[in-house]
PDB file of all heavy atoms in Angstrom:
ATOM      1  N   LEU A   1       7.858  65.641  50.988  1.00  0.00           N
ATOM      2  CA  LEU A   1       7.877  64.459  51.825  1.00  0.00           C
ATOM      3  C   LEU A   1       7.923  63.255  50.893  1.00  0.00           C
ATOM      4  O   LEU A   1       7.091  63.140  49.984  1.00  0.00           O
ATOM      5  CB  LEU A   1       6.628  64.390  52.704  1.00  0.00           C
ATOM      6  CG  LEU A   1       6.627  65.190  54.010  1.00  0.00           C
ATOM      7  CD1 LEU A   1       6.673  66.684  53.747  1.00  0.00           C
ATOM      8  CD2 LEU A   1       5.412  64.842  54.852  1.00  0.00           C
ATOM      9  N   GLN A   2       8.874  62.402  51.103  1.00  0.00           N
ATOM     10  CA  GLN A   2       9.069  61.241  50.243  1.00  0.00           C
ATOM     11  C   GLN A   2       8.839  59.967  51.043  1.00  0.00           C
ATOM     12  O   GLN A   2       9.634  59.616  51.915  1.00  0.00           O
ATOM     13  CB  GLN A   2      10.485  61.241  49.666  1.00  0.00           C
ATOM     14  CG  GLN A   2      10.768  60.107  48.697  1.00  0.00           C
ATOM     15  CD  GLN A   2      10.048  60.258  47.381  1.00  0.00           C
ATOM     16  OE1 GLN A   2       9.928  61.359  46.845  1.00  0.00           O
ATOM     17  NE2 GLN A   2       9.535  59.153  46.858  1.00  0.00           N
ATOM     18  N   ALA A   3       7.747  59.284  50.727  1.00  0.00           N
ATOM     19  CA  ALA A   3       7.420  58.035  51.418  1.00  0.00           C
ATOM     20  C   ALA A   3       7.979  56.854  50.638  1.00  0.00           C
ATOM     21  O   ALA A   3       7.969  56.850  49.405  1.00  0.00           O
ATOM     22  CB  ALA A   3       5.916  57.895  51.573  1.00  0.00           C
ATOM     23  N   SER A   4       8.442  55.853  51.365  1.00  0.00           N
ATOM     24  CA  SER A   4       8.969  54.652  50.731  1.00  0.00           C
ATOM     25  C   SER A   4       8.820  53.464  51.683  1.00  0.00           C
ATOM     26  O   SER A   4       8.477  53.644  52.854  1.00  0.00           O
ATOM     27  CB  SER A   4      10.440  54.842  50.349  1.00  0.00           C
ATOM     28  OG  SER A   4      11.213  55.102  51.514  1.00  0.00           O
ATOM     29  N   GLY A   5       9.094  52.275  51.160  1.00  0.00           N
ATOM     30  CA  GLY A   5       9.100  51.085  52.001  1.00  0.00           C
ATOM     31  C   GLY A   5       7.891  50.191  51.874  1.00  0.00           C
ATOM     32  O   GLY A   5       7.835  49.132  52.494  1.00  0.00           O
ATOM     33  N   GLY A   6       6.921  50.590  51.085  1.00  0.00           N
ATOM     34  CA  GLY A   6       5.757  49.744  50.913  1.00  0.00           C
ATOM     35  C   GLY A   6       6.093  48.506  50.097  1.00  0.00           C
ATOM     36  O   GLY A   6       7.198  48.351  49.601  1.00  0.00           O
ATOM     37  N   GLY A   7       5.136  47.617  49.994  1.00  0.00           N
ATOM     38  CA  GLY A   7       5.355  46.403  49.233  1.00  0.00           C
ATOM     39  C   GLY A   7       4.307  45.364  49.559  1.00  0.00           C
ATOM     40  O   GLY A   7       3.242  45.678  50.086  1.00  0.00           O
ATOM     41  N   LEU A   8       4.647  44.131  49.230  1.00  0.00           N
ATOM     42  CA  LEU A   8       3.737  43.011  49.457  1.00  0.00           C
ATOM     43  C   LEU A   8       4.215  42.205  50.655  1.00  0.00           C
ATOM     44  O   LEU A   8       5.404  41.905  50.772  1.00  0.00           O
ATOM     45  CB  LEU A   8       3.709  42.117  48.218  1.00  0.00           C
ATOM     46  CG  LEU A   8       2.879  40.845  48.292  1.00  0.00           C
ATOM     47  CD1 LEU A   8       1.410  41.188  48.453  1.00  0.00           C
ATOM     48  CD2 LEU A   8       3.097  40.006  47.032  1.00  0.00           C
ATOM     49  N   ALA A   9       3.304  41.890  51.553  1.00  0.00           N
ATOM     50  CA  ALA A   9       3.636  41.086  52.726  1.00  0.00           C
ATOM     51  C   ALA A   9       2.514  40.089  52.975  1.00  0.00           C
ATOM     52  O   ALA A   9       1.374  40.299  52.559  1.00  0.00           O
ATOM     53  CB  ALA A   9       3.828  41.983  53.954  1.00  0.00           C
ATOM     54  N   GLN A  10       2.860  39.014  53.638  1.00  0.00           N
ATOM     55  CA  GLN A  10       1.850  38.041  54.031  1.00  0.00           C
ATOM     56  C   GLN A  10       1.243  38.445  55.359  1.00  0.00           C
ATOM     57  O   GLN A  10       1.861  39.175  56.147  1.00  0.00           O
ATOM     58  CB  GLN A  10       2.475  36.651  54.145  1.00  0.00           C
ATOM     59  CG  GLN A  10       2.897  36.061  52.820  1.00  0.00           C
ATOM     60  CD  GLN A  10       3.348  34.617  52.953  1.00  0.00           C
ATOM     61  OE1 GLN A  10       3.843  34.215  54.000  1.00  0.00           O
ATOM     62  NE2 GLN A  10       3.167  33.833  51.899  1.00  0.00           N
ATOM     63  N   ALA A  11       0.047  37.971  55.607  1.00  0.00           N
ATOM     64  CA  ALA A  11      -0.585  38.226  56.891  1.00  0.00           C
ATOM     65  C   ALA A  11       0.328  37.734  58.003  1.00  0.00           C
ATOM     66  O   ALA A  11       0.893  36.640  57.917  1.00  0.00           O
ATOM     67  CB  ALA A  11      -1.932  37.525  56.962  1.00  0.00           C
ATOM     68  N   GLY A  12       0.478  38.576  59.017  1.00  0.00           N
ATOM     69  CA  GLY A  12       1.382  38.264  60.108  1.00  0.00           C
ATOM     70  C   GLY A  12       2.785  38.789  59.903  1.00  0.00           C
ATOM     71  O   GLY A  12       3.604  38.749  60.827  1.00  0.00           O
ATOM     72  N   GLY A  13       3.065  39.258  58.707  1.00  0.00           N
ATOM     73  CA  GLY A  13       4.386  39.762  58.385  1.00  0.00           C
ATOM     74  C   GLY A  13       4.583  41.207  58.801  1.00  0.00           C
ATOM     75  O   GLY A  13       3.737  41.804  59.472  1.00  0.00           O
ATOM     76  N   SER A  14       5.718  41.762  58.366  1.00  0.00           N
ATOM     77  CA  SER A  14       6.087  43.118  58.751  1.00  0.00           C
ATOM     78  C   SER A  14       6.603  43.911  57.558  1.00  0.00           C
ATOM     79  O   SER A  14       7.136  43.350  56.596  1.00  0.00           O
ATOM     80  CB  SER A  14       7.182  43.083  59.819  1.00  0.00           C
ATOM     81  OG  SER A  14       6.756  42.416  60.984  1.00  0.00           O
ATOM     82  N   LEU A  15       6.433  45.205  57.644  1.00  0.00           N
ATOM     83  CA  LEU A  15       7.010  46.155  56.700  1.00  0.00           C
ATOM     84  C   LEU A  15       7.429  47.391  57.477  1.00  0.00           C
ATOM     85  O   LEU A  15       6.882  47.678  58.549  1.00  0.00           O
ATOM     86  CB  LEU A  15       6.008  46.552  55.618  1.00  0.00           C
ATOM     87  CG  LEU A  15       5.677  45.536  54.528  1.00  0.00           C
ATOM     88  CD1 LEU A  15       4.516  46.040  53.667  1.00  0.00           C
ATOM     89  CD2 LEU A  15       6.885  45.245  53.654  1.00  0.00           C
ATOM     90  N   ARG A  16       8.363  48.127  56.922  1.00  0.00           N
ATOM     91  CA  ARG A  16       8.787  49.381  57.540  1.00  0.00           C
ATOM     92  C   ARG A  16       8.706  50.487  56.511  1.00  0.00           C
ATOM     93  O   ARG A  16       9.375  50.419  55.474  1.00  0.00           O
ATOM     94  CB  ARG A  16      10.213  49.276  58.065  1.00  0.00           C
ATOM     95  CG  ARG A  16      10.667  50.475  58.897  1.00  0.00           C
ATOM     96  CD  ARG A  16      12.155  50.434  59.098  1.00  0.00           C
ATOM     97  NE  ARG A  16      12.636  51.365  60.104  1.00  0.00           N
ATOM     98  CZ  ARG A  16      13.844  51.920  60.080  1.00  0.00           C
ATOM     99  NH1 ARG A  16      14.681  51.607  59.110  1.00  0.00           N
ATOM    100  NH2 ARG A  16      14.216  52.741  61.042  1.00  0.00           N
ATOM    101  N   LEU A  17       7.912  51.480  56.804  1.00  0.00           N
ATOM    102  CA  LEU A  17       7.768  52.631  55.923  1.00  0.00           C
ATOM    103  C   LEU A  17       8.650  53.769  56.414  1.00  0.00           C
ATOM    104  O   LEU A  17       8.857  53.930  57.616  1.00  0.00           O
ATOM    105  CB  LEU A  17       6.308  53.088  55.885  1.00  0.00           C
ATOM    106  CG  LEU A  17       5.251  52.029  55.570  1.00  0.00           C
ATOM    107  CD1 LEU A  17       3.875  52.684  55.493  1.00  0.00           C
ATOM    108  CD2 LEU A  17       5.570  51.288  54.293  1.00  0.00           C
ATOM    109  N   SER A  18       9.153  54.551  55.464  1.00  0.00           N
ATOM    110  CA  SER A  18       9.963  55.713  55.793  1.00  0.00           C
ATOM    111  C   SER A  18       9.379  56.942  55.120  1.00  0.00           C
ATOM    112  O   SER A  18       8.784  56.843  54.042  1.00  0.00           O
ATOM    113  CB  SER A  18      11.401  55.525  55.314  1.00  0.00           C
ATOM    114  OG  SER A  18      12.005  54.406  55.911  1.00  0.00           O
ATOM    115  N   CYS A  19       9.581  58.086  55.745  1.00  0.00           N
ATOM    116  CA  CYS A  19       9.144  59.351  55.165  1.00  0.00           C
ATOM    117  C   CYS A  19      10.235  60.376  55.413  1.00  0.00           C
ATOM    118  O   CYS A  19      10.477  60.766  56.559  1.00  0.00           O
ATOM    119  CB  CYS A  19       7.830  59.797  55.779  1.00  0.00           C
ATOM    120  SG  CYS A  19       7.251  61.398  55.173  1.00  0.00           S
ATOM    121  N   ALA A  20      10.902  60.786  54.354  1.00  0.00           N
ATOM    122  CA  ALA A  20      11.984  61.746  54.450  1.00  0.00           C
ATOM    123  C   ALA A  20      11.513  63.121  54.002  1.00  0.00           C
ATOM    124  O   ALA A  20      10.761  63.236  53.028  1.00  0.00           O
ATOM    125  CB  ALA A  20      13.164  61.301  53.580  1.00  0.00           C
ATOM    126  N   THR A  21      11.961  64.141  54.704  1.00  0.00           N
ATOM    127  CA  THR A  21      11.576  65.507  54.353  1.00  0.00           C
ATOM    128  C   THR A  21      12.741  66.216  53.680  1.00  0.00           C
ATOM    129  O   THR A  21      13.909  65.935  53.967  1.00  0.00           O
ATOM    130  CB  THR A  21      11.154  66.298  55.590  1.00  0.00           C
ATOM    131  OG1 THR A  21      12.271  66.403  56.490  1.00  0.00           O
ATOM    132  CG2 THR A  21      10.016  65.604  56.319  1.00  0.00           C
ATOM    133  N   SER A  22      12.419  67.151  52.807  1.00  0.00           N
ATOM    134  CA  SER A  22      13.445  67.940  52.142  1.00  0.00           C
ATOM    135  C   SER A  22      12.820  69.229  51.647  1.00  0.00           C
ATOM    136  O   SER A  22      11.604  69.415  51.701  1.00  0.00           O
ATOM    137  CB  SER A  22      14.054  67.166  50.974  1.00  0.00           C
ATOM    138  OG  SER A  22      13.071  66.900  49.984  1.00  0.00           O
ATOM    139  N   GLY A  23      13.672  70.118  51.155  1.00  0.00           N
ATOM    140  CA  GLY A  23      13.176  71.368  50.600  1.00  0.00           C
ATOM    141  C   GLY A  23      13.248  72.496  51.607  1.00  0.00           C
ATOM    142  O   GLY A  23      14.115  72.519  52.475  1.00  0.00           O
ATOM    143  N   ARG A  24      12.321  73.415  51.492  1.00  0.00           N
ATOM    144  CA  ARG A  24      12.296  74.604  52.351  1.00  0.00           C
ATOM    145  C   ARG A  24      12.286  74.202  53.823  1.00  0.00           C
ATOM    146  O   ARG A  24      11.619  73.251  54.220  1.00  0.00           O
ATOM    147  CB  ARG A  24      11.051  75.434  52.021  1.00  0.00           C
ATOM    148  CG  ARG A  24      10.882  76.679  52.852  1.00  0.00           C
ATOM    149  CD  ARG A  24       9.757  77.550  52.296  1.00  0.00           C
ATOM    150  NE  ARG A  24       8.482  76.888  52.312  1.00  0.00           N
ATOM    151  CZ  ARG A  24       7.623  76.938  53.332  1.00  0.00           C
ATOM    152  NH1 ARG A  24       7.953  77.584  54.436  1.00  0.00           N
ATOM    153  NH2 ARG A  24       6.451  76.323  53.264  1.00  0.00           N
ATOM    154  N   MET A  25      13.040  74.941  54.609  1.00  0.00           N
ATOM    155  CA  MET A  25      13.124  74.617  56.030  1.00  0.00           C
ATOM    156  C   MET A  25      11.808  74.966  56.718  1.00  0.00           C
ATOM    157  O   MET A  25      11.375  76.111  56.705  1.00  0.00           O
ATOM    158  CB  MET A  25      14.254  75.401  56.675  1.00  0.00           C
ATOM    159  CG  MET A  25      15.629  74.901  56.290  1.00  0.00           C
ATOM    160  SD  MET A  25      15.917  73.229  56.888  1.00  0.00           S
ATOM    161  CE  MET A  25      15.966  73.519  58.639  1.00  0.00           C
ATOM    162  N   VAL A  26      11.171  73.959  57.261  1.00  0.00           N
ATOM    163  CA  VAL A  26       9.972  74.174  58.055  1.00  0.00           C
ATOM    164  C   VAL A  26      10.110  73.347  59.322  1.00  0.00           C
ATOM    165  O   VAL A  26      10.897  72.415  59.385  1.00  0.00           O
ATOM    166  CB  VAL A  26       8.694  73.765  57.295  1.00  0.00           C
ATOM    167  CG1 VAL A  26       8.535  74.576  56.031  1.00  0.00           C
ATOM    168  CG2 VAL A  26       8.698  72.281  56.988  1.00  0.00           C
ATOM    169  N   ARG A  27       9.326  73.699  60.277  1.00  0.00           N
ATOM    170  CA  ARG A  27       9.307  72.928  61.515  1.00  0.00           C
ATOM    171  C   ARG A  27       8.165  71.917  61.428  1.00  0.00           C
ATOM    172  O   ARG A  27       7.000  72.278  61.543  1.00  0.00           O
ATOM    173  CB  ARG A  27       9.106  73.852  62.716  1.00  0.00           C
ATOM    174  CG  ARG A  27      10.258  74.835  62.915  1.00  0.00           C
ATOM    175  CD  ARG A  27      10.069  75.641  64.186  1.00  0.00           C
ATOM    176  NE  ARG A  27      11.122  76.629  64.356  1.00  0.00           N
ATOM    177  CZ  ARG A  27      12.292  76.373  64.919  1.00  0.00           C
ATOM    178  NH1 ARG A  27      12.538  75.165  65.382  1.00  0.00           N
ATOM    179  NH2 ARG A  27      13.210  77.311  65.036  1.00  0.00           N
ATOM    180  N   HIS A  28       8.536  70.684  61.184  1.00  0.00           N
ATOM    181  CA  HIS A  28       7.527  69.626  61.094  1.00  0.00           C
ATOM    182  C   HIS A  28       7.162  69.195  62.511  1.00  0.00           C
ATOM    183  O   HIS A  28       7.610  68.154  62.990  1.00  0.00           O
ATOM    184  CB  HIS A  28       8.063  68.451  60.284  1.00  0.00           C
ATOM    185  CG  HIS A  28       8.463  68.816  58.879  1.00  0.00           C
ATOM    186  ND1 HIS A  28       7.550  68.891  57.844  1.00  0.00           N
ATOM    187  CD2 HIS A  28       9.667  69.129  58.354  1.00  0.00           C
ATOM    188  CE1 HIS A  28       8.187  69.221  56.743  1.00  0.00           C
ATOM    189  NE2 HIS A  28       9.468  69.392  57.008  1.00  0.00           N
ATOM    190  N   TYR A  29       6.357  70.026  63.179  1.00  0.00           N
ATOM    191  CA  TYR A  29       6.070  69.785  64.582  1.00  0.00           C
ATOM    192  C   TYR A  29       5.320  68.483  64.814  1.00  0.00           C
ATOM    193  O   TYR A  29       5.489  67.851  65.849  1.00  0.00           O
ATOM    194  CB  TYR A  29       5.284  70.939  65.170  1.00  0.00           C
ATOM    195  CG  TYR A  29       6.130  72.122  65.560  1.00  0.00           C
ATOM    196  CD1 TYR A  29       5.609  73.408  65.558  1.00  0.00           C
ATOM    197  CD2 TYR A  29       7.453  71.961  65.935  1.00  0.00           C
ATOM    198  CE1 TYR A  29       6.387  74.500  65.928  1.00  0.00           C
ATOM    199  CE2 TYR A  29       8.240  73.036  66.297  1.00  0.00           C
ATOM    200  CZ  TYR A  29       7.703  74.302  66.299  1.00  0.00           C
ATOM    201  OH  TYR A  29       8.477  75.361  66.654  1.00  0.00           O
ATOM    202  N   VAL A  30       4.509  68.098  63.885  1.00  0.00           N
ATOM    203  CA  VAL A  30       3.840  66.805  63.970  1.00  0.00           C
ATOM    204  C   VAL A  30       3.963  66.113  62.622  1.00  0.00           C
ATOM    205  O   VAL A  30       3.721  66.724  61.584  1.00  0.00           O
ATOM    206  CB  VAL A  30       2.348  66.942  64.329  1.00  0.00           C
ATOM    207  CG1 VAL A  30       1.702  65.553  64.442  1.00  0.00           C
ATOM    208  CG2 VAL A  30       2.168  67.709  65.623  1.00  0.00           C
ATOM    209  N   MET A  31       4.367  64.869  62.658  1.00  0.00           N
ATOM    210  CA  MET A  31       4.405  64.064  61.431  1.00  0.00           C
ATOM    211  C   MET A  31       3.519  62.845  61.631  1.00  0.00           C
ATOM    212  O   MET A  31       3.530  62.235  62.706  1.00  0.00           O
ATOM    213  CB  MET A  31       5.824  63.650  61.081  1.00  0.00           C
ATOM    214  CG  MET A  31       6.716  64.828  60.731  1.00  0.00           C
ATOM    215  SD  MET A  31       8.247  64.367  59.925  1.00  0.00           S
ATOM    216  CE  MET A  31       7.650  63.855  58.308  1.00  0.00           C
ATOM    217  N   GLY A  32       2.774  62.537  60.597  1.00  0.00           N
ATOM    218  CA  GLY A  32       1.820  61.454  60.739  1.00  0.00           C
ATOM    219  C   GLY A  32       1.736  60.574  59.510  1.00  0.00           C
ATOM    220  O   GLY A  32       2.314  60.887  58.464  1.00  0.00           O
ATOM    221  N   TRP A  33       1.043  59.482  59.688  1.00  0.00           N
ATOM    222  CA  TRP A  33       0.759  58.558  58.588  1.00  0.00           C
ATOM    223  C   TRP A  33      -0.760  58.387  58.465  1.00  0.00           C
ATOM    224  O   TRP A  33      -1.459  58.248  59.469  1.00  0.00           O
ATOM    225  CB  TRP A  33       1.397  57.194  58.846  1.00  0.00           C
ATOM    226  CG  TRP A  33       2.878  57.183  58.711  1.00  0.00           C
ATOM    227  CD1 TRP A  33       3.797  57.355  59.697  1.00  0.00           C
ATOM    228  CD2 TRP A  33       3.627  56.988  57.505  1.00  0.00           C
ATOM    229  NE1 TRP A  33       5.071  57.282  59.189  1.00  0.00           N
ATOM    230  CE2 TRP A  33       5.000  57.046  57.839  1.00  0.00           C
ATOM    231  CE3 TRP A  33       3.288  56.745  56.175  1.00  0.00           C
ATOM    232  CZ2 TRP A  33       6.014  56.889  56.900  1.00  0.00           C
ATOM    233  CZ3 TRP A  33       4.292  56.587  55.246  1.00  0.00           C
ATOM    234  CH2 TRP A  33       5.643  56.658  55.612  1.00  0.00           C
ATOM    235  N   PHE A  34      -1.206  58.424  57.235  1.00  0.00           N
ATOM    236  CA  PHE A  34      -2.590  58.145  56.905  1.00  0.00           C
ATOM    237  C   PHE A  34      -2.605  57.001  55.894  1.00  0.00           C
ATOM    238  O   PHE A  34      -1.578  56.689  55.289  1.00  0.00           O
ATOM    239  CB  PHE A  34      -3.263  59.374  56.282  1.00  0.00           C
ATOM    240  CG  PHE A  34      -3.498  60.499  57.250  1.00  0.00           C
ATOM    241  CD1 PHE A  34      -2.442  61.280  57.722  1.00  0.00           C
ATOM    242  CD2 PHE A  34      -4.773  60.795  57.705  1.00  0.00           C
ATOM    243  CE1 PHE A  34      -2.653  62.311  58.615  1.00  0.00           C
ATOM    244  CE2 PHE A  34      -4.999  61.820  58.592  1.00  0.00           C
ATOM    245  CZ  PHE A  34      -3.939  62.588  59.050  1.00  0.00           C
ATOM    246  N   ARG A  35      -3.750  56.405  55.695  1.00  0.00           N
ATOM    247  CA  ARG A  35      -3.865  55.369  54.667  1.00  0.00           C
ATOM    248  C   ARG A  35      -5.223  55.449  53.993  1.00  0.00           C
ATOM    249  O   ARG A  35      -6.200  55.921  54.579  1.00  0.00           O
ATOM    250  CB  ARG A  35      -3.645  53.978  55.261  1.00  0.00           C
ATOM    251  CG  ARG A  35      -4.719  53.527  56.246  1.00  0.00           C
ATOM    252  CD  ARG A  35      -4.335  52.185  56.865  1.00  0.00           C
ATOM    253  NE  ARG A  35      -5.352  51.699  57.795  1.00  0.00           N
ATOM    254  CZ  ARG A  35      -5.208  50.620  58.560  1.00  0.00           C
ATOM    255  NH1 ARG A  35      -4.087  49.895  58.495  1.00  0.00           N
ATOM    256  NH2 ARG A  35      -6.172  50.264  59.375  1.00  0.00           N
ATOM    257  N   GLN A  36      -5.239  54.981  52.751  1.00  0.00           N
ATOM    258  CA  GLN A  36      -6.472  55.006  51.991  1.00  0.00           C
ATOM    259  C   GLN A  36      -6.605  53.709  51.216  1.00  0.00           C
ATOM    260  O   GLN A  36      -5.783  53.410  50.342  1.00  0.00           O
ATOM    261  CB  GLN A  36      -6.492  56.199  51.033  1.00  0.00           C
ATOM    262  CG  GLN A  36      -7.808  56.396  50.322  1.00  0.00           C
ATOM    263  CD  GLN A  36      -7.888  57.742  49.628  1.00  0.00           C
ATOM    264  OE1 GLN A  36      -6.879  58.424  49.408  1.00  0.00           O
ATOM    265  NE2 GLN A  36      -9.103  58.165  49.300  1.00  0.00           N
TER     266      GLN A  36
END
């Protein structure tokens, strides 16, 4: 899973994150985002 799209934004602004899958064929029945 390859996440991208992060960066610096001002309060009130917007960003768009992407997560692309590759490799062995699996059924990604649920995809989610976490943060730390």
